Amino acid sequence: MFTGIVTDIGTVVAVAPRAENLSRLTIACGYDRASIVDGASIACSGTCLTVVEAGVTDGRTWFAVDAAAETMRLTTVGTWRVGTTINLERSLKIGDELGGHIVTGHVDGVATLIERENLPEMAKMVFRLPKPLARFVATKGSITVAGVSLTVNAVTADTVEVLIIPHTLQVTTLGPLSVGEAVNIEVDLMARYAARLTETA
């Protein structure tokens, strides 16, 4: 479980096939090597992936994860190449601050940035959502974009608008995000449960 508060930006340094339906990605990061153990969960631009190996090369920590073909197909992981930068978050521990909102790391879909306006004190971004997800998004509610917990400013039948402060732009990959680029989306878990309760009532 995560909170959508990014703690590092990693860089993909290797992508290699491991089996017919499996790819191994190696990601360099700023985390302390001693803090990364095999089996740990790390949210990589919103996708929960399991550490299978870790080490230090030329003074920089790295960890490796295996991604199944379905993960590669249904998330942005399939587009990552050497040099791709990704948002990272370690899994939540008891006693940690819940600074964003509850995030599972189970991506619901991929959205595309269709509009960006750099305002004096923030950036306004509009993403086109997969239509089935719009029903789970509400104004002033929460949404996870590329692993970042954000507050919804406006929503339509197939778009969501968010306002992003300078700090978030500086410490995540949303800063350089350009129109046309794709991002992983996870809707608010509570909204999913509320919809399910309504359906079964």
C-alpha atoms as a PDB file:
ATOM      1  CA  MET A   1       0.000   0.000   0.000  1.00  0.00           C
ATOM      2  CA  PHE A   2       1.171   3.526  -0.807  1.00  0.00           C
ATOM      3  CA  THR A   3       0.105   7.154  -0.362  1.00  0.00           C
ATOM      4  CA  GLY A   4       0.939   8.777  -3.690  1.00  0.00           C
ATOM      5  CA  ILE A   5       3.754  10.865  -2.185  1.00  0.00           C
ATOM      6  CA  VAL A   6       6.777  10.385  -4.439  1.00  0.00           C
ATOM      7  CA  THR A   7      10.077   9.971  -2.570  1.00  0.00           C
ATOM      8  CA  ASP A   8      12.527   9.637  -5.459  1.00  0.00           C
ATOM      9  CA  ILE A   9      12.829   9.769  -9.233  1.00  0.00           C
ATOM     10  CA  GLY A  10      14.408   6.641 -10.689  1.00  0.00           C
ATOM     11  CA  THR A  11      15.960   6.030 -14.084  1.00  0.00           C
ATOM     12  CA  VAL A  12      15.546   2.846 -16.112  1.00  0.00           C
ATOM     13  CA  VAL A  13      19.047   1.539 -16.849  1.00  0.00           C
ATOM     14  CA  ALA A  14      18.209  -1.839 -18.396  1.00  0.00           C
ATOM     15  CA  VAL A  15      15.266  -3.684 -19.948  1.00  0.00           C
ATOM     16  CA  ALA A  16      15.683  -7.348 -20.818  1.00  0.00           C
ATOM     17  CA  PRO A  17      13.358 -10.277 -21.599  1.00  0.00           C
ATOM     18  CA  ARG A  18      13.428 -13.011 -18.951  1.00  0.00           C
ATOM     19  CA  ALA A  19      10.884 -15.445 -20.353  1.00  0.00           C
ATOM     20  CA  GLU A  20       8.139 -15.551 -22.949  1.00  0.00           C
ATOM     21  CA  ASN A  21       5.806 -13.401 -20.874  1.00  0.00           C
ATOM     22  CA  LEU A  22       8.221 -11.660 -18.520  1.00  0.00           C
ATOM     23  CA  SER A  23      10.584  -8.698 -18.732  1.00  0.00           C
ATOM     24  CA  ARG A  24      13.164  -7.560 -16.192  1.00  0.00           C
ATOM     25  CA  LEU A  25      13.666  -3.853 -15.655  1.00  0.00           C
ATOM     26  CA  THR A  26      16.587  -2.418 -13.711  1.00  0.00           C
ATOM     27  CA  ILE A  27      16.042   0.982 -12.126  1.00  0.00           C
ATOM     28  CA  ALA A  28      18.702   3.255 -10.622  1.00  0.00           C
ATOM     29  CA  CYS A  29      17.552   5.265  -7.618  1.00  0.00           C
ATOM     30  CA  GLY A  30      18.660   7.371  -4.676  1.00  0.00           C
ATOM     31  CA  TYR A  31      17.495   4.961  -1.977  1.00  0.00           C
ATOM     32  CA  ASP A  32      19.899   3.447   0.535  1.00  0.00           C
ATOM     33  CA  ARG A  33      20.847  -0.009  -0.730  1.00  0.00           C
ATOM     34  CA  ALA A  34      20.563  -1.463   2.774  1.00  0.00           C
ATOM     35  CA  SER A  35      16.901  -0.453   2.908  1.00  0.00           C
ATOM     36  CA  ILE A  36      15.924  -2.438  -0.195  1.00  0.00           C
ATOM     37  CA  VAL A  37      15.289  -6.144   0.325  1.00  0.00           C
ATOM     38  CA  ASP A  38      14.202  -8.801  -2.139  1.00  0.00           C
ATOM     39  CA  GLY A  39      10.424  -9.037  -2.130  1.00  0.00           C
ATOM     40  CA  ALA A  40       9.898  -5.385  -1.241  1.00  0.00           C
ATOM     41  CA  SER A  41       7.136  -3.511  -3.056  1.00  0.00           C
ATOM     42  CA  ILE A  42       7.989  -0.243  -4.797  1.00  0.00           C
ATOM     43  CA  ALA A  43       5.486   1.874  -6.699  1.00  0.00           C
ATOM     44  CA  CYS A  44       7.046   2.731 -10.060  1.00  0.00           C
ATOM     45  CA  SER A  45       5.077   5.594 -11.630  1.00  0.00           C
ATOM     46  CA  GLY A  46       2.023   4.161  -9.912  1.00  0.00           C
ATOM     47  CA  THR A  47       2.588   0.484 -10.706  1.00  0.00           C
ATOM     48  CA  CYS A  48       3.341  -1.749  -7.720  1.00  0.00           C
ATOM     49  CA  LEU A  49       6.328  -3.919  -8.631  1.00  0.00           C
ATOM     50  CA  THR A  50       8.297  -6.426  -6.561  1.00  0.00           C
ATOM     51  CA  VAL A  51      12.044  -6.165  -6.065  1.00  0.00           C
ATOM     52  CA  VAL A  52      13.805  -9.335  -7.230  1.00  0.00           C
ATOM     53  CA  GLU A  53      17.386  -8.084  -6.979  1.00  0.00           C
ATOM     54  CA  ALA A  54      19.255  -4.983  -5.812  1.00  0.00           C
ATOM     55  CA  GLY A  55      22.784  -3.671  -5.712  1.00  0.00           C
ATOM     56  CA  VAL A  56      25.119  -0.713  -6.100  1.00  0.00           C
ATOM     57  CA  THR A  57      27.013   0.173  -9.279  1.00  0.00           C
ATOM     58  CA  ASP A  58      29.396   3.130  -9.521  1.00  0.00           C
ATOM     59  CA  GLY A  59      28.089   4.400  -6.215  1.00  0.00           C
ATOM     60  CA  ARG A  60      24.424   4.410  -7.211  1.00  0.00           C
ATOM     61  CA  THR A  61      21.794   2.057  -5.865  1.00  0.00           C
ATOM     62  CA  TRP A  62      19.696   0.047  -8.292  1.00  0.00           C
ATOM     63  CA  PHE A  63      16.927  -2.517  -8.019  1.00  0.00           C
ATOM     64  CA  ALA A  64      15.416  -4.935 -10.527  1.00  0.00           C
ATOM     65  CA  VAL A  65      11.771  -5.892 -11.000  1.00  0.00           C
ATOM     66  CA  ASP A  66      10.010  -8.397 -13.225  1.00  0.00           C
ATOM     67  CA  ALA A  67       6.961  -7.233 -15.184  1.00  0.00           C
ATOM     68  CA  ALA A  68       4.473  -9.659 -16.703  1.00  0.00           C
ATOM     69  CA  ALA A  69       3.232  -9.225 -20.265  1.00  0.00           C
ATOM     70  CA  GLU A  70      -0.159  -8.059 -18.974  1.00  0.00           C
ATOM     71  CA  THR A  71       1.479  -5.344 -16.874  1.00  0.00           C
ATOM     72  CA  MET A  72       3.517  -4.225 -19.874  1.00  0.00           C
ATOM     73  CA  ARG A  73       0.357  -4.090 -21.988  1.00  0.00           C
ATOM     74  CA  LEU A  74      -2.045  -2.410 -19.564  1.00  0.00           C
ATOM     75  CA  THR A  75       0.285   0.210 -18.048  1.00  0.00           C
ATOM     76  CA  THR A  76       3.007   2.559 -19.237  1.00  0.00           C
ATOM     77  CA  VAL A  77       5.634   0.035 -18.128  1.00  0.00           C
ATOM     78  CA  GLY A  78       5.581  -1.408 -21.647  1.00  0.00           C
ATOM     79  CA  THR A  79       6.836   1.911 -23.037  1.00  0.00           C
ATOM     80  CA  TRP A  80       9.784   2.285 -20.669  1.00  0.00           C
ATOM     81  CA  ARG A  81      13.213   2.285 -22.249  1.00  0.00           C
ATOM     82  CA  VAL A  82      16.741   2.889 -20.987  1.00  0.00           C
ATOM     83  CA  GLY A  83      16.777   6.495 -19.804  1.00  0.00           C
ATOM     84  CA  THR A  84      13.078   6.694 -18.923  1.00  0.00           C
ATOM     85  CA  THR A  85      12.558   8.501 -15.616  1.00  0.00           C
ATOM     86  CA  ILE A  86       9.872   7.240 -13.243  1.00  0.00           C
ATOM     87  CA  ASN A  87       8.329   8.278  -9.946  1.00  0.00           C
ATOM     88  CA  LEU A  88       9.198   6.012  -7.025  1.00  0.00           C
ATOM     89  CA  GLU A  89       7.532   5.420  -3.670  1.00  0.00           C
ATOM     90  CA  ARG A  90       8.356   2.845  -1.013  1.00  0.00           C
ATOM     91  CA  SER A  91       5.499   0.879   0.519  1.00  0.00           C
ATOM     92  CA  LEU A  92       3.747   2.343   3.540  1.00  0.00           C
ATOM     93  CA  LYS A  93       4.901   1.216   6.994  1.00  0.00           C
ATOM     94  CA  ILE A  94       2.971   1.370  10.248  1.00  0.00           C
ATOM     95  CA  GLY A  95       3.620   4.776  11.758  1.00  0.00           C
ATOM     96  CA  ASP A  96       4.322   6.499   8.440  1.00  0.00           C
ATOM     97  CA  GLU A  97       2.496   9.718   7.619  1.00  0.00           C
ATOM     98  CA  LEU A  98      -0.457   9.236   5.275  1.00  0.00           C
ATOM     99  CA  GLY A  99       0.314  12.401   3.349  1.00  0.00           C
ATOM    100  CA  GLY A 100      -1.690  11.697   0.196  1.00  0.00           C
ATOM    101  CA  HIS A 101      -4.472   9.114   0.016  1.00  0.00           C
ATOM    102  CA  ILE A 102      -4.669   5.326   0.030  1.00  0.00           C
ATOM    103  CA  VAL A 103      -3.051   3.996  -3.148  1.00  0.00           C
ATOM    104  CA  THR A 104      -2.787   0.289  -3.995  1.00  0.00           C
ATOM    105  CA  GLY A 105      -0.400   0.442  -6.932  1.00  0.00           C
ATOM    106  CA  HIS A 106      -2.912  -1.469  -9.058  1.00  0.00           C
ATOM    107  CA  VAL A 107      -3.234   0.685 -12.170  1.00  0.00           C
ATOM    108  CA  ASP A 108      -6.793   1.131 -13.461  1.00  0.00           C
ATOM    109  CA  GLY A 109      -5.867   2.464 -16.874  1.00  0.00           C
ATOM    110  CA  VAL A 110      -3.691   4.769 -18.939  1.00  0.00           C
ATOM    111  CA  ALA A 111      -4.607   8.408 -19.564  1.00  0.00           C
ATOM    112  CA  THR A 112      -3.154  10.895 -22.043  1.00  0.00           C
ATOM    113  CA  LEU A 113      -2.241  14.513 -21.327  1.00  0.00           C
ATOM    114  CA  ILE A 114      -4.314  16.571 -23.773  1.00  0.00           C
ATOM    115  CA  GLU A 115      -3.857  20.066 -22.352  1.00  0.00           C
ATOM    116  CA  ARG A 116      -1.244  21.810 -20.226  1.00  0.00           C
ATOM    117  CA  GLU A 117      -1.270  25.427 -19.117  1.00  0.00           C
ATOM    118  CA  ASN A 118       1.596  26.790 -17.047  1.00  0.00           C
ATOM    119  CA  LEU A 119       0.018  29.332 -14.715  1.00  0.00           C
ATOM    120  CA  PRO A 120       1.979  31.795 -12.519  1.00  0.00           C
ATOM    121  CA  GLU A 121       1.914  29.573  -9.426  1.00  0.00           C
ATOM    122  CA  MET A 122       0.954  26.138 -10.738  1.00  0.00           C
ATOM    123  CA  ALA A 123       0.327  24.044 -13.828  1.00  0.00           C
ATOM    124  CA  LYS A 124      -3.123  23.038 -15.035  1.00  0.00           C
ATOM    125  CA  MET A 125      -3.210  19.644 -16.706  1.00  0.00           C
ATOM    126  CA  VAL A 126      -6.130  17.937 -18.412  1.00  0.00           C
ATOM    127  CA  PHE A 127      -5.972  14.192 -19.048  1.00  0.00           C
ATOM    128  CA  ARG A 128      -8.226  12.097 -21.261  1.00  0.00           C
ATOM    129  CA  LEU A 129      -9.416   9.115 -19.231  1.00  0.00           C
ATOM    130  CA  PRO A 130     -10.619   5.710 -20.331  1.00  0.00           C
ATOM    131  CA  LYS A 131     -14.393   6.317 -20.230  1.00  0.00           C
ATOM    132  CA  PRO A 132     -15.185   3.498 -17.762  1.00  0.00           C
ATOM    133  CA  LEU A 133     -13.047   5.260 -15.128  1.00  0.00           C
ATOM    134  CA  ALA A 134     -14.769   8.650 -15.191  1.00  0.00           C
ATOM    135  CA  ARG A 135     -17.591   7.428 -12.947  1.00  0.00           C
ATOM    136  CA  PHE A 136     -15.075   6.876 -10.163  1.00  0.00           C
ATOM    137  CA  VAL A 137     -13.685  10.420 -10.327  1.00  0.00           C
ATOM    138  CA  ALA A 138     -15.265  13.360  -8.486  1.00  0.00           C
ATOM    139  CA  THR A 139     -14.394  17.024  -8.136  1.00  0.00           C
ATOM    140  CA  LYS A 140     -12.307  17.583  -4.963  1.00  0.00           C
ATOM    141  CA  GLY A 141     -11.726  13.847  -4.769  1.00  0.00           C
ATOM    142  CA  SER A 142      -8.371  12.108  -5.148  1.00  0.00           C
ATOM    143  CA  ILE A 143      -6.738  10.499  -8.161  1.00  0.00           C
ATOM    144  CA  THR A 144      -3.298   8.996  -8.679  1.00  0.00           C
ATOM    145  CA  VAL A 145      -1.468  10.175 -11.807  1.00  0.00           C
ATOM    146  CA  ALA A 146       1.855   8.462 -12.567  1.00  0.00           C
ATOM    147  CA  GLY A 147       2.035   7.500  -8.911  1.00  0.00           C
ATOM    148  CA  VAL A 148       1.331  11.032  -7.652  1.00  0.00           C
ATOM    149  CA  SER A 149      -1.640  11.714  -5.368  1.00  0.00           C
ATOM    150  CA  LEU A 150      -3.552  14.698  -6.765  1.00  0.00           C
ATOM    151  CA  THR A 151      -6.821  16.481  -6.045  1.00  0.00           C
ATOM    152  CA  VAL A 152      -9.360  16.574  -8.860  1.00  0.00           C
ATOM    153  CA  ASN A 153     -10.154  20.137  -9.927  1.00  0.00           C
ATOM    154  CA  ALA A 154     -12.758  19.261 -12.571  1.00  0.00           C
ATOM    155  CA  VAL A 155     -14.086  16.192 -14.344  1.00  0.00           C
ATOM    156  CA  THR A 156     -16.146  15.492 -17.478  1.00  0.00           C
ATOM    157  CA  ALA A 157     -17.385  12.299 -19.122  1.00  0.00           C
ATOM    158  CA  ASP A 158     -13.870  11.419 -20.241  1.00  0.00           C
ATOM    159  CA  THR A 159     -11.421  14.001 -18.866  1.00  0.00           C
ATOM    160  CA  VAL A 160      -9.975  15.010 -15.521  1.00  0.00           C
ATOM    161  CA  GLU A 161      -8.346  18.332 -14.688  1.00  0.00           C
ATOM    162  CA  VAL A 162      -5.756  18.776 -11.943  1.00  0.00           C
ATOM    163  CA  LEU A 163      -3.764  21.745 -10.646  1.00  0.00           C
ATOM    164  CA  ILE A 164      -0.176  20.957  -9.718  1.00  0.00           C
ATOM    165  CA  ILE A 165       1.935  23.128  -7.411  1.00  0.00           C
ATOM    166  CA  PRO A 166       5.593  23.980  -8.184  1.00  0.00           C
ATOM    167  CA  HIS A 167       6.991  21.609  -5.536  1.00  0.00           C
ATOM    168  CA  THR A 168       5.225  18.620  -7.081  1.00  0.00           C
ATOM    169  CA  LEU A 169       6.399  19.663 -10.537  1.00  0.00           C
ATOM    170  CA  GLN A 170       9.986  19.810  -9.258  1.00  0.00           C
ATOM    171  CA  VAL A 171      10.124  16.482  -7.417  1.00  0.00           C
ATOM    172  CA  THR A 172       8.140  14.262  -9.813  1.00  0.00           C
ATOM    173  CA  THR A 173       8.135  13.436 -13.504  1.00  0.00           C
ATOM    174  CA  LEU A 174       5.026  15.583 -13.970  1.00  0.00           C
ATOM    175  CA  GLY A 175       7.275  18.647 -14.306  1.00  0.00           C
ATOM    176  CA  PRO A 176       8.487  17.883 -17.846  1.00  0.00           C
ATOM    177  CA  LEU A 177       5.330  16.020 -18.927  1.00  0.00           C
ATOM    178  CA  SER A 178       4.225  17.094 -22.411  1.00  0.00           C
ATOM    179  CA  VAL A 179       0.900  16.975 -24.257  1.00  0.00           C
ATOM    180  CA  GLY A 180       0.455  13.570 -25.869  1.00  0.00           C
ATOM    181  CA  GLU A 181       2.332  11.631 -23.205  1.00  0.00           C
ATOM    182  CA  ALA A 182       0.644   8.758 -21.364  1.00  0.00           C
ATOM    183  CA  VAL A 183       0.448   8.226 -17.603  1.00  0.00           C
ATOM    184  CA  ASN A 184      -0.793   5.480 -15.315  1.00  0.00           C
ATOM    185  CA  ILE A 185      -4.056   6.268 -13.544  1.00  0.00           C
ATOM    186  CA  GLU A 186      -5.465   4.791 -10.350  1.00  0.00           C
ATOM    187  CA  VAL A 187      -8.864   5.993  -9.196  1.00  0.00           C
ATOM    188  CA  ASP A 188      -9.717   6.445  -5.533  1.00  0.00           C
ATOM    189  CA  LEU A 189     -10.259   3.053  -3.915  1.00  0.00           C
ATOM    190  CA  MET A 190     -13.100   4.449  -1.797  1.00  0.00           C
ATOM    191  CA  ALA A 191     -14.933   5.530  -4.961  1.00  0.00           C
ATOM    192  CA  ARG A 192     -14.709   1.989  -6.313  1.00  0.00           C
ATOM    193  CA  TYR A 193     -16.164   0.537  -3.120  1.00  0.00           C
ATOM    194  CA  ALA A 194     -18.929   3.157  -3.053  1.00  0.00           C
ATOM    195  CA  ALA A 195     -19.872   2.317  -6.641  1.00  0.00           C
ATOM    196  CA  ARG A 196     -19.903  -1.379  -5.839  1.00  0.00           C
ATOM    197  CA  LEU A 197     -22.171  -0.857  -2.828  1.00  0.00           C
ATOM    198  CA  THR A 198     -24.558   1.164  -4.985  1.00  0.00           C
ATOM    199  CA  GLU A 199     -24.656  -1.582  -7.611  1.00  0.00           C
ATOM    200  CA  THR A 200     -25.473  -4.291  -5.066  1.00  0.00           C
ATOM    201  CA  ALA A 201     -27.926  -2.279  -2.960  1.00  0.00           C
END
